[in-house]
Amino acid sequence: MFMQLTPQDISGLTIGGIDGGYTSRLLIGFDIFFFRAIAVFSTYTPETILKTNYYPNKIPPLEITVSDVGLSTLEFENLGSIKRAIIELQVATQVLELSTKKIDVLLLDGSPILRRPITNNQRIQNFYQTYLSSLSKLVYLASKNRVKMAWIVKDSRLNLFTRFLGKILPFIIEFLPELLTVDYRSIINRSRDMDLFYYLLEPNVRSMVYHRDFNITKEFDSKFSLYAFYLKTVPFDIPLRVEMFQSNRRNHKNLINDINTLSETILPLSQYNKTYGIPAPIVEADARAKIKEAEIEALFQMIQTRFPTPELMLKRRERSPWKF
């Protein structure tokens, strides 16, 4: 059920991390979003990092999207999260298309699964379709270029494994009489996968592999499937959830070999601190993609000084002189 792994020697490999950030402002006349995404990719040697490159650059520019007022809170959040995901995918695709050096591994922050937004807003629906097509394009390109690509979910709240346990335990309870002394059903119902795997997995061990349902297009779904597993990288942090697309032409043995190889590449990237087991490329990409409030405040002050119109004023609840 679990697989013991050995951290791989990553000397000579070029490994990238992708992350994005966004913030927003609610104005009198419209809503405005600020986005940023970056790729950080490094070539490793036995002793250190040989060279690190950044795309589009070390301090990527802000991308601004304006939306008419009238969005509900949920629509507002949907627009921001979908647009950020699109920009991250576009940066990843551009890196694979433009890089003159072979990229061996590409890690993206978060999960590739974005549920279809429940809204009649056509603009948000169009953004979602753009996300699906961008994801499809990236997966095809990574497969063509033989790039091992995975999404790293830092804080998973899924309960795939606990639901599976809840289904099978009633049939095997007679072999585990100690469970009859506790209300195991209540414990299982309250638990997340991460809770259990924190205790079940040792460092350098991964869980079993799950198949995840996520439909993109019939053509894409016939060629690729999404898999997920948990990987414990360090002793005093929760496991990572790793998700990756694999070709449906790969047999089971090749699929497991690919997953193990990728896991053993992630391990040495994540073991710089015993209490924080996130791959280093993701850590740096996250730090560089963050949009600081000071940046946005300075930008707004400049705009409002040059164009002092009511439409560019923050909503009253955002600019009250009294803070309670």
Foldseek 3Di string as FASTA:
>chain_A
DKDFAAADDQAQAKEKEKEKDKDWFAAPFWIKMKIFMKMWIFHDHNVGTPDIAMPPHLQTDIDMDIGGPDDDPQRVVLQHVLVRLLVRLVRLLCCLVPDPDQHAEYEYEDDLDDDQDDDPPVVSNVSNLSSLVSVLSNQVSCVVSNHHYKYKYQDDQAAPPLVVCLVCCVVCVVVVVVPVVDPVNVVSVPDHPQVVCLPVDAASMKDDKDWDDDDRDPVSVQFKTKIWIWHHQANAETTIIMMGIDTPVDDPVRVVVSVSVVNSPLNVQQPPDRNGRGGPNNVSRVVSNYDDPVVVVVVLVVVCVVPVDSRSHGPCVVDPPDDD
